[in-house]
Amino acid sequence: CGRTESWARVTYHRAKCKLMERMG
């Protein structure tokens, strides 16, 4: 992605939270 490792960690965590929220 051409970003930092911290960015990848935070983005993954947010993606997982969004999926869990939307799946209910």
mmCIF file of all heavy atoms, coordinates in Angstrom:
data_MODEL
# 
_entry.id   MODEL 
# 
loop_
_atom_site.group_PDB 
_atom_site.id 
_atom_site.type_symbol 
_atom_site.label_atom_id 
_atom_site.label_alt_id 
_atom_site.label_comp_id 
_atom_site.label_asym_id 
_atom_site.label_entity_id 
_atom_site.label_seq_id 
_atom_site.pdbx_PDB_ins_code 
_atom_site.Cartn_x 
_atom_site.Cartn_y 
_atom_site.Cartn_z 
_atom_site.occupancy 
_atom_site.B_iso_or_equiv 
_atom_site.pdbx_formal_charge 
_atom_site.auth_seq_id 
_atom_site.auth_comp_id 
_atom_site.auth_asym_id 
_atom_site.auth_atom_id 
_atom_site.pdbx_PDB_model_num 
ATOM 1   N N   . CYS A 1 1  ? 0.808   -1.228  0.000  1.00 0.00 ? 1  CYS A N   1 
ATOM 2   C CA  . CYS A 1 1  ? 0.000   0.000   0.000  1.00 0.00 ? 1  CYS A CA  1 
ATOM 3   C C   . CYS A 1 1  ? 0.838   1.274   0.000  1.00 0.00 ? 1  CYS A C   1 
ATOM 4   O O   . CYS A 1 1  ? 0.286   2.373   -0.148 1.00 0.00 ? 1  CYS A O   1 
ATOM 5   C CB  . CYS A 1 1  ? -0.938  -0.003  1.199  1.00 0.00 ? 1  CYS A CB  1 
ATOM 6   S SG  . CYS A 1 1  ? -2.153  -1.338  1.159  1.00 0.00 ? 1  CYS A SG  1 
ATOM 7   N N   . GLY A 1 2  ? 2.125   1.140   0.188  1.00 0.00 ? 2  GLY A N   1 
ATOM 8   C CA  . GLY A 1 2  ? 2.978   2.326   0.198  1.00 0.00 ? 2  GLY A CA  1 
ATOM 9   C C   . GLY A 1 2  ? 2.771   3.195   1.420  1.00 0.00 ? 2  GLY A C   1 
ATOM 10  O O   . GLY A 1 2  ? 2.883   4.422   1.347  1.00 0.00 ? 2  GLY A O   1 
ATOM 11  N N   . ARG A 1 3  ? 2.433   2.573   2.540  1.00 0.00 ? 3  ARG A N   1 
ATOM 12  C CA  . ARG A 1 3  ? 2.183   3.290   3.796  1.00 0.00 ? 3  ARG A CA  1 
ATOM 13  C C   . ARG A 1 3  ? 3.061   2.707   4.896  1.00 0.00 ? 3  ARG A C   1 
ATOM 14  O O   . ARG A 1 3  ? 3.810   1.779   4.672  1.00 0.00 ? 3  ARG A O   1 
ATOM 15  C CB  . ARG A 1 3  ? 0.702   3.158   4.202  1.00 0.00 ? 3  ARG A CB  1 
ATOM 16  C CG  . ARG A 1 3  ? -0.283  3.741   3.216  1.00 0.00 ? 3  ARG A CG  1 
ATOM 17  C CD  . ARG A 1 3  ? -0.154  5.269   3.213  1.00 0.00 ? 3  ARG A CD  1 
ATOM 18  N NE  . ARG A 1 3  ? -1.213  5.944   2.533  1.00 0.00 ? 3  ARG A NE  1 
ATOM 19  C CZ  . ARG A 1 3  ? -2.348  6.332   3.088  1.00 0.00 ? 3  ARG A CZ  1 
ATOM 20  N NH1 . ARG A 1 3  ? -2.624  6.070   4.330  1.00 0.00 ? 3  ARG A NH1 1 
ATOM 21  N NH2 . ARG A 1 3  ? -3.255  6.983   2.379  1.00 0.00 ? 3  ARG A NH2 1 
ATOM 22  N N   . THR A 1 4  ? 2.894   3.214   6.116  1.00 0.00 ? 4  THR A N   1 
ATOM 23  C CA  . THR A 1 4  ? 3.673   2.706   7.244  1.00 0.00 ? 4  THR A CA  1 
ATOM 24  C C   . THR A 1 4  ? 3.032   1.445   7.807  1.00 0.00 ? 4  THR A C   1 
ATOM 25  O O   . THR A 1 4  ? 1.854   1.164   7.576  1.00 0.00 ? 4  THR A O   1 
ATOM 26  C CB  . THR A 1 4  ? 3.757   3.751   8.372  1.00 0.00 ? 4  THR A CB  1 
ATOM 27  O OG1 . THR A 1 4  ? 2.449   3.961   8.907  1.00 0.00 ? 4  THR A OG1 1 
ATOM 28  C CG2 . THR A 1 4  ? 4.370   5.056   7.873  1.00 0.00 ? 4  THR A CG2 1 
ATOM 29  N N   . GLU A 1 5  ? 3.834   0.728   8.583  1.00 0.00 ? 5  GLU A N   1 
ATOM 30  C CA  . GLU A 1 5  ? 3.333   -0.491  9.231  1.00 0.00 ? 5  GLU A CA  1 
ATOM 31  C C   . GLU A 1 5  ? 2.243   -0.145  10.248 1.00 0.00 ? 5  GLU A C   1 
ATOM 32  O O   . GLU A 1 5  ? 1.258   -0.874  10.386 1.00 0.00 ? 5  GLU A O   1 
ATOM 33  C CB  . GLU A 1 5  ? 4.503   -1.200  9.913  1.00 0.00 ? 5  GLU A CB  1 
ATOM 34  C CG  . GLU A 1 5  ? 4.204   -2.609  10.309 1.00 0.00 ? 5  GLU A CG  1 
ATOM 35  C CD  . GLU A 1 5  ? 5.434   -3.355  10.798 1.00 0.00 ? 5  GLU A CD  1 
ATOM 36  O OE1 . GLU A 1 5  ? 6.539   -3.093  10.294 1.00 0.00 ? 5  GLU A OE1 1 
ATOM 37  O OE2 . GLU A 1 5  ? 5.260   -4.202  11.684 1.00 0.00 ? 5  GLU A OE2 1 
ATOM 38  N N   . SER A 1 6  ? 2.395   0.968   10.942 1.00 0.00 ? 6  SER A N   1 
ATOM 39  C CA  . SER A 1 6  ? 1.376   1.405   11.908 1.00 0.00 ? 6  SER A CA  1 
ATOM 40  C C   . SER A 1 6  ? 0.052   1.683   11.205 1.00 0.00 ? 6  SER A C   1 
ATOM 41  O O   . SER A 1 6  ? -1.018  1.337   11.714 1.00 0.00 ? 6  SER A O   1 
ATOM 42  C CB  . SER A 1 6  ? 1.831   2.665   12.643 1.00 0.00 ? 6  SER A CB  1 
ATOM 43  O OG  . SER A 1 6  ? 2.962   2.383   13.412 1.00 0.00 ? 6  SER A OG  1 
ATOM 44  N N   . TRP A 1 7  ? 0.130   2.307   10.050 1.00 0.00 ? 7  TRP A N   1 
ATOM 45  C CA  . TRP A 1 7  ? -1.080  2.577   9.266  1.00 0.00 ? 7  TRP A CA  1 
ATOM 46  C C   . TRP A 1 7  ? -1.782  1.275   8.914  1.00 0.00 ? 7  TRP A C   1 
ATOM 47  O O   . TRP A 1 7  ? -3.004  1.169   9.012  1.00 0.00 ? 7  TRP A O   1 
ATOM 48  C CB  . TRP A 1 7  ? -0.732  3.339   7.989  1.00 0.00 ? 7  TRP A CB  1 
ATOM 49  C CG  . TRP A 1 7  ? -1.893  3.538   7.081  1.00 0.00 ? 7  TRP A CG  1 
ATOM 50  C CD1 . TRP A 1 7  ? -2.795  4.564   7.101  1.00 0.00 ? 7  TRP A CD1 1 
ATOM 51  C CD2 . TRP A 1 7  ? -2.311  2.673   6.014  1.00 0.00 ? 7  TRP A CD2 1 
ATOM 52  N NE1 . TRP A 1 7  ? -3.739  4.390   6.111  1.00 0.00 ? 7  TRP A NE1 1 
ATOM 53  C CE2 . TRP A 1 7  ? -3.464  3.234   5.434  1.00 0.00 ? 7  TRP A CE2 1 
ATOM 54  C CE3 . TRP A 1 7  ? -1.824  1.480   5.493  1.00 0.00 ? 7  TRP A CE3 1 
ATOM 55  C CZ2 . TRP A 1 7  ? -4.136  2.635   4.369  1.00 0.00 ? 7  TRP A CZ2 1 
ATOM 56  C CZ3 . TRP A 1 7  ? -2.491  0.885   4.436  1.00 0.00 ? 7  TRP A CZ3 1 
ATOM 57  C CH2 . TRP A 1 7  ? -3.632  1.462   3.891  1.00 0.00 ? 7  TRP A CH2 1 
ATOM 58  N N   . ALA A 1 8  ? -1.010  0.260   8.513  1.00 0.00 ? 8  ALA A N   1 
ATOM 59  C CA  . ALA A 1 8  ? -1.592  -1.031  8.154  1.00 0.00 ? 8  ALA A CA  1 
ATOM 60  C C   . ALA A 1 8  ? -2.286  -1.666  9.350  1.00 0.00 ? 8  ALA A C   1 
ATOM 61  O O   . ALA A 1 8  ? -3.386  -2.220  9.223  1.00 0.00 ? 8  ALA A O   1 
ATOM 62  C CB  . ALA A 1 8  ? -0.511  -1.961  7.593  1.00 0.00 ? 8  ALA A CB  1 
ATOM 63  N N   . ARG A 1 9  ? -1.673  -1.594  10.523 1.00 0.00 ? 9  ARG A N   1 
ATOM 64  C CA  . ARG A 1 9  ? -2.270  -2.168  11.744 1.00 0.00 ? 9  ARG A CA  1 
ATOM 65  C C   . ARG A 1 9  ? -3.586  -1.467  12.101 1.00 0.00 ? 9  ARG A C   1 
ATOM 66  O O   . ARG A 1 9  ? -4.582  -2.115  12.395 1.00 0.00 ? 9  ARG A O   1 
ATOM 67  C CB  . ARG A 1 9  ? -1.307  -2.052  12.919 1.00 0.00 ? 9  ARG A CB  1 
ATOM 68  C CG  . ARG A 1 9  ? -0.122  -2.963  12.838 1.00 0.00 ? 9  ARG A CG  1 
ATOM 69  C CD  . ARG A 1 9  ? 0.814   -2.744  14.046 1.00 0.00 ? 9  ARG A CD  1 
ATOM 70  N NE  . ARG A 1 9  ? 2.056   -3.428  13.874 1.00 0.00 ? 9  ARG A NE  1 
ATOM 71  C CZ  . ARG A 1 9  ? 2.252   -4.708  14.135 1.00 0.00 ? 9  ARG A CZ  1 
ATOM 72  N NH1 . ARG A 1 9  ? 1.258   -5.434  14.578 1.00 0.00 ? 9  ARG A NH1 1 
ATOM 73  N NH2 . ARG A 1 9  ? 3.430   -5.260  13.940 1.00 0.00 ? 9  ARG A NH2 1 
ATOM 74  N N   . VAL A 1 10 ? -3.554  -0.151  12.095 1.00 0.00 ? 10 VAL A N   1 
ATOM 75  C CA  . VAL A 1 10 ? -4.746  0.618   12.453 1.00 0.00 ? 10 VAL A CA  1 
ATOM 76  C C   . VAL A 1 10 ? -5.861  0.387   11.426 1.00 0.00 ? 10 VAL A C   1 
ATOM 77  O O   . VAL A 1 10 ? -7.024  0.186   11.782 1.00 0.00 ? 10 VAL A O   1 
ATOM 78  C CB  . VAL A 1 10 ? -4.399  2.124   12.570 1.00 0.00 ? 10 VAL A CB  1 
ATOM 79  C CG1 . VAL A 1 10 ? -5.649  2.974   12.677 1.00 0.00 ? 10 VAL A CG1 1 
ATOM 80  C CG2 . VAL A 1 10 ? -3.484  2.355   13.761 1.00 0.00 ? 10 VAL A CG2 1 
ATOM 81  N N   . THR A 1 11 ? -5.517  0.372   10.165 1.00 0.00 ? 11 THR A N   1 
ATOM 82  C CA  . THR A 1 11 ? -6.515  0.165   9.107  1.00 0.00 ? 11 THR A CA  1 
ATOM 83  C C   . THR A 1 11 ? -7.137  -1.220  9.209  1.00 0.00 ? 11 THR A C   1 
ATOM 84  O O   . THR A 1 11 ? -8.352  -1.373  9.066  1.00 0.00 ? 11 THR A O   1 
ATOM 85  C CB  . THR A 1 11 ? -5.877  0.376   7.722  1.00 0.00 ? 11 THR A CB  1 
ATOM 86  O OG1 . THR A 1 11 ? -5.290  1.682   7.689  1.00 0.00 ? 11 THR A OG1 1 
ATOM 87  C CG2 . THR A 1 11 ? -6.905  0.270   6.622  1.00 0.00 ? 11 THR A CG2 1 
ATOM 88  N N   . TYR A 1 12 ? -6.326  -2.230  9.493  1.00 0.00 ? 12 TYR A N   1 
ATOM 89  C CA  . TYR A 1 12 ? -6.857  -3.588  9.669  1.00 0.00 ? 12 TYR A CA  1 
ATOM 90  C C   . TYR A 1 12 ? -7.810  -3.638  10.861 1.00 0.00 ? 12 TYR A C   1 
ATOM 91  O O   . TYR A 1 12 ? -8.895  -4.209  10.769 1.00 0.00 ? 12 TYR A O   1 
ATOM 92  C CB  . TYR A 1 12 ? -5.714  -4.593  9.867  1.00 0.00 ? 12 TYR A CB  1 
ATOM 93  C CG  . TYR A 1 12 ? -6.208  -5.939  10.296 1.00 0.00 ? 12 TYR A CG  1 
ATOM 94  C CD1 . TYR A 1 12 ? -6.850  -6.790  9.395  1.00 0.00 ? 12 TYR A CD1 1 
ATOM 95  C CD2 . TYR A 1 12 ? -6.066  -6.373  11.605 1.00 0.00 ? 12 TYR A CD2 1 
ATOM 96  C CE1 . TYR A 1 12 ? -7.336  -8.017  9.783  1.00 0.00 ? 12 TYR A CE1 1 
ATOM 97  C CE2 . TYR A 1 12 ? -6.541  -7.606  12.001 1.00 0.00 ? 12 TYR A CE2 1 
ATOM 98  C CZ  . TYR A 1 12 ? -7.169  -8.420  11.097 1.00 0.00 ? 12 TYR A CZ  1 
ATOM 99  O OH  . TYR A 1 12 ? -7.647  -9.641  11.498 1.00 0.00 ? 12 TYR A OH  1 
ATOM 100 N N   . HIS A 1 13 ? -7.414  -3.033  11.976 1.00 0.00 ? 13 HIS A N   1 
ATOM 101 C CA  . HIS A 1 13 ? -8.270  -3.032  13.164 1.00 0.00 ? 13 HIS A CA  1 
ATOM 102 C C   . HIS A 1 13 ? -9.606  -2.338  12.869 1.00 0.00 ? 13 HIS A C   1 
ATOM 103 O O   . HIS A 1 13 ? -10.668 -2.846  13.237 1.00 0.00 ? 13 HIS A O   1 
ATOM 104 C CB  . HIS A 1 13 ? -7.561  -2.332  14.330 1.00 0.00 ? 13 HIS A CB  1 
ATOM 105 C CG  . HIS A 1 13 ? -8.416  -2.195  15.538 1.00 0.00 ? 13 HIS A CG  1 
ATOM 106 N ND1 . HIS A 1 13 ? -8.724  -3.260  16.355 1.00 0.00 ? 13 HIS A ND1 1 
ATOM 107 C CD2 . HIS A 1 13 ? -9.061  -1.120  16.055 1.00 0.00 ? 13 HIS A CD2 1 
ATOM 108 C CE1 . HIS A 1 13 ? -9.522  -2.843  17.321 1.00 0.00 ? 13 HIS A CE1 1 
ATOM 109 N NE2 . HIS A 1 13 ? -9.736  -1.550  17.163 1.00 0.00 ? 13 HIS A NE2 1 
ATOM 110 N N   . ARG A 1 14 ? -9.556  -1.221  12.203 1.00 0.00 ? 14 ARG A N   1 
ATOM 111 C CA  . ARG A 1 14 ? -10.791 -0.502  11.867 1.00 0.00 ? 14 ARG A CA  1 
ATOM 112 C C   . ARG A 1 14 ? -11.658 -1.309  10.903 1.00 0.00 ? 14 ARG A C   1 
ATOM 113 O O   . ARG A 1 14 ? -12.882 -1.321  11.013 1.00 0.00 ? 14 ARG A O   1 
ATOM 114 C CB  . ARG A 1 14 ? -10.458 0.860   11.262 1.00 0.00 ? 14 ARG A CB  1 
ATOM 115 C CG  . ARG A 1 14 ? -9.910  1.825   12.280 1.00 0.00 ? 14 ARG A CG  1 
ATOM 116 C CD  . ARG A 1 14 ? -9.546  3.156   11.672 1.00 0.00 ? 14 ARG A CD  1 
ATOM 117 N NE  . ARG A 1 14 ? -9.010  4.059   12.673 1.00 0.00 ? 14 ARG A NE  1 
ATOM 118 C CZ  . ARG A 1 14 ? -8.356  5.165   12.394 1.00 0.00 ? 14 ARG A CZ  1 
ATOM 119 N NH1 . ARG A 1 14 ? -8.165  5.529   11.142 1.00 0.00 ? 14 ARG A NH1 1 
ATOM 120 N NH2 . ARG A 1 14 ? -7.890  5.917   13.366 1.00 0.00 ? 14 ARG A NH2 1 
ATOM 121 N N   . ALA A 1 15 ? -11.019 -2.000  9.953  1.00 0.00 ? 15 ALA A N   1 
ATOM 122 C CA  . ALA A 1 15 ? -11.763 -2.832  9.008  1.00 0.00 ? 15 ALA A CA  1 
ATOM 123 C C   . ALA A 1 15 ? -12.485 -3.955  9.744  1.00 0.00 ? 15 ALA A C   1 
ATOM 124 O O   . ALA A 1 15 ? -13.657 -4.243  9.479  1.00 0.00 ? 15 ALA A O   1 
ATOM 125 C CB  . ALA A 1 15 ? -10.826 -3.413  7.952  1.00 0.00 ? 15 ALA A CB  1 
ATOM 126 N N   . LYS A 1 16 ? -11.781 -4.577  10.672 1.00 0.00 ? 16 LYS A N   1 
ATOM 127 C CA  . LYS A 1 16 ? -12.375 -5.667  11.442 1.00 0.00 ? 16 LYS A CA  1 
ATOM 128 C C   . LYS A 1 16 ? -13.557 -5.156  12.267 1.00 0.00 ? 16 LYS A C   1 
ATOM 129 O O   . LYS A 1 16 ? -14.613 -5.801  12.315 1.00 0.00 ? 16 LYS A O   1 
ATOM 130 C CB  . LYS A 1 16 ? -11.312 -6.285  12.352 1.00 0.00 ? 16 LYS A CB  1 
ATOM 131 C CG  . LYS A 1 16 ? -11.725 -7.595  12.974 1.00 0.00 ? 16 LYS A CG  1 
ATOM 132 C CD  . LYS A 1 16 ? -10.543 -8.312  13.607 1.00 0.00 ? 16 LYS A CD  1 
ATOM 133 C CE  . LYS A 1 16 ? -10.127 -7.620  14.867 1.00 0.00 ? 16 LYS A CE  1 
ATOM 134 N NZ  . LYS A 1 16 ? -9.174  -8.406  15.668 1.00 0.00 ? 16 LYS A NZ  1 
ATOM 135 N N   . CYS A 1 17 ? -13.415 -4.001  12.872 1.00 0.00 ? 17 CYS A N   1 
ATOM 136 C CA  . CYS A 1 17 ? -14.508 -3.411  13.657 1.00 0.00 ? 17 CYS A CA  1 
ATOM 137 C C   . CYS A 1 17 ? -15.713 -3.093  12.774 1.00 0.00 ? 17 CYS A C   1 
ATOM 138 O O   . CYS A 1 17 ? -16.860 -3.348  13.157 1.00 0.00 ? 17 CYS A O   1 
ATOM 139 C CB  . CYS A 1 17 ? -14.034 -2.155  14.373 1.00 0.00 ? 17 CYS A CB  1 
ATOM 140 S SG  . CYS A 1 17 ? -12.880 -2.483  15.728 1.00 0.00 ? 17 CYS A SG  1 
ATOM 141 N N   . LYS A 1 18 ? -15.449 -2.548  11.590 1.00 0.00 ? 18 LYS A N   1 
ATOM 142 C CA  . LYS A 1 18 ? -16.539 -2.223  10.666 1.00 0.00 ? 18 LYS A CA  1 
ATOM 143 C C   . LYS A 1 18 ? -17.273 -3.483  10.218 1.00 0.00 ? 18 LYS A C   1 
ATOM 144 O O   . LYS A 1 18 ? -18.498 -3.502  10.120 1.00 0.00 ? 18 LYS A O   1 
ATOM 145 C CB  . LYS A 1 18 ? -16.002 -1.465  9.444  1.00 0.00 ? 18 LYS A CB  1 
ATOM 146 C CG  . LYS A 1 18 ? -15.597 -0.039  9.716  1.00 0.00 ? 18 LYS A CG  1 
ATOM 147 C CD  . LYS A 1 18 ? -14.988 0.596   8.473  1.00 0.00 ? 18 LYS A CD  1 
ATOM 148 C CE  . LYS A 1 18 ? -14.572 2.017   8.709  1.00 0.00 ? 18 LYS A CE  1 
ATOM 149 N NZ  . LYS A 1 18 ? -15.669 2.962   8.626  1.00 0.00 ? 18 LYS A NZ  1 
ATOM 150 N N   . LEU A 1 19 ? -16.514 -4.547  9.919  1.00 0.00 ? 19 LEU A N   1 
ATOM 151 C CA  . LEU A 1 19 ? -17.143 -5.807  9.512  1.00 0.00 ? 19 LEU A CA  1 
ATOM 152 C C   . LEU A 1 19 ? -18.000 -6.378  10.625 1.00 0.00 ? 19 LEU A C   1 
ATOM 153 O O   . LEU A 1 19 ? -19.135 -6.810  10.386 1.00 0.00 ? 19 LEU A O   1 
ATOM 154 C CB  . LEU A 1 19 ? -16.085 -6.839  9.105  1.00 0.00 ? 19 LEU A CB  1 
ATOM 155 C CG  . LEU A 1 19 ? -15.519 -6.695  7.714  1.00 0.00 ? 19 LEU A CG  1 
ATOM 156 C CD1 . LEU A 1 19 ? -14.342 -7.655  7.518  1.00 0.00 ? 19 LEU A CD1 1 
ATOM 157 C CD2 . LEU A 1 19 ? -16.581 -6.960  6.673  1.00 0.00 ? 19 LEU A CD2 1 
ATOM 158 N N   . MET A 1 20 ? -17.480 -6.393  11.839 1.00 0.00 ? 20 MET A N   1 
ATOM 159 C CA  . MET A 1 20 ? -18.236 -6.934  12.969 1.00 0.00 ? 20 MET A CA  1 
ATOM 160 C C   . MET A 1 20 ? -19.502 -6.126  13.216 1.00 0.00 ? 20 MET A C   1 
ATOM 161 O O   . MET A 1 20 ? -20.559 -6.682  13.484 1.00 0.00 ? 20 MET A O   1 
ATOM 162 C CB  . MET A 1 20 ? -17.347 -6.972  14.208 1.00 0.00 ? 20 MET A CB  1 
ATOM 163 C CG  . MET A 1 20 ? -16.251 -8.017  14.106 1.00 0.00 ? 20 MET A CG  1 
ATOM 164 S SD  . MET A 1 20 ? -15.021 -7.960  15.428 1.00 0.00 ? 20 MET A SD  1 
ATOM 165 C CE  . MET A 1 20 ? -16.016 -8.229  16.868 1.00 0.00 ? 20 MET A CE  1 
ATOM 166 N N   . GLU A 1 21 ? -19.381 -4.827  13.092 1.00 0.00 ? 21 GLU A N   1 
ATOM 167 C CA  . GLU A 1 21 ? -20.539 -3.947  13.279 1.00 0.00 ? 21 GLU A CA  1 
ATOM 168 C C   . GLU A 1 21 ? -21.616 -4.212  12.233 1.00 0.00 ? 21 GLU A C   1 
ATOM 169 O O   . GLU A 1 21 ? -22.799 -4.306  12.539 1.00 0.00 ? 21 GLU A O   1 
ATOM 170 C CB  . GLU A 1 21 ? -20.072 -2.491  13.211 1.00 0.00 ? 21 GLU A CB  1 
ATOM 171 C CG  . GLU A 1 21 ? -21.175 -1.464  13.346 1.00 0.00 ? 21 GLU A CG  1 
ATOM 172 C CD  . GLU A 1 21 ? -20.621 -0.057  13.161 1.00 0.00 ? 21 GLU A CD  1 
ATOM 173 O OE1 . GLU A 1 21 ? -19.733 0.339   13.936 1.00 0.00 ? 21 GLU A OE1 1 
ATOM 174 O OE2 . GLU A 1 21 ? -21.076 0.630   12.226 1.00 0.00 ? 21 GLU A OE2 1 
ATOM 175 N N   . ARG A 1 22 ? -21.197 -4.343  10.986 1.00 0.00 ? 22 ARG A N   1 
ATOM 176 C CA  . ARG A 1 22 ? -22.140 -4.545  9.882  1.00 0.00 ? 22 ARG A CA  1 
ATOM 177 C C   . ARG A 1 22 ? -22.734 -5.948  9.860  1.00 0.00 ? 22 ARG A C   1 
ATOM 178 O O   . ARG A 1 22 ? -23.836 -6.153  9.369  1.00 0.00 ? 22 ARG A O   1 
ATOM 179 C CB  . ARG A 1 22 ? -21.483 -4.220  8.544  1.00 0.00 ? 22 ARG A CB  1 
ATOM 180 C CG  . ARG A 1 22 ? -21.164 -2.746  8.434  1.00 0.00 ? 22 ARG A CG  1 
ATOM 181 C CD  . ARG A 1 22 ? -20.458 -2.407  7.161  1.00 0.00 ? 22 ARG A CD  1 
ATOM 182 N NE  . ARG A 1 22 ? -20.043 -1.007  7.166  1.00 0.00 ? 22 ARG A NE  1 
ATOM 183 C CZ  . ARG A 1 22 ? -19.381 -0.451  6.173  1.00 0.00 ? 22 ARG A CZ  1 
ATOM 184 N NH1 . ARG A 1 22 ? -19.049 -1.140  5.116  1.00 0.00 ? 22 ARG A NH1 1 
ATOM 185 N NH2 . ARG A 1 22 ? -19.035 0.823   6.254  1.00 0.00 ? 22 ARG A NH2 1 
ATOM 186 N N   . MET A 1 23 ? -21.985 -6.926  10.368 1.00 0.00 ? 23 MET A N   1 
ATOM 187 C CA  . MET A 1 23 ? -22.486 -8.304  10.398 1.00 0.00 ? 23 MET A CA  1 
ATOM 188 C C   . MET A 1 23 ? -23.494 -8.489  11.531 1.00 0.00 ? 23 MET A C   1 
ATOM 189 O O   . MET A 1 23 ? -24.380 -9.336  11.430 1.00 0.00 ? 23 MET A O   1 
ATOM 190 C CB  . MET A 1 23 ? -21.332 -9.300  10.558 1.00 0.00 ? 23 MET A CB  1 
ATOM 191 C CG  . MET A 1 23 ? -20.488 -9.476  9.328  1.00 0.00 ? 23 MET A CG  1 
ATOM 192 S SD  . MET A 1 23 ? -21.375 -10.174 7.939  1.00 0.00 ? 23 MET A SD  1 
ATOM 193 C CE  . MET A 1 23 ? -21.765 -11.785 8.568  1.00 0.00 ? 23 MET A CE  1 
ATOM 194 N N   . GLY A 1 24 ? -23.353 -7.740  12.593 1.00 0.00 ? 24 GLY A N   1 
ATOM 195 C CA  . GLY A 1 24 ? -24.282 -7.835  13.716 1.00 0.00 ? 24 GLY A CA  1 
ATOM 196 C C   . GLY A 1 24 ? -24.273 -9.226  14.346 1.00 0.00 ? 24 GLY A C   1 
ATOM 197 O O   . GLY A 1 24 ? -23.231 -9.811  14.589 1.00 0.00 ? 24 GLY A O   1 
# 
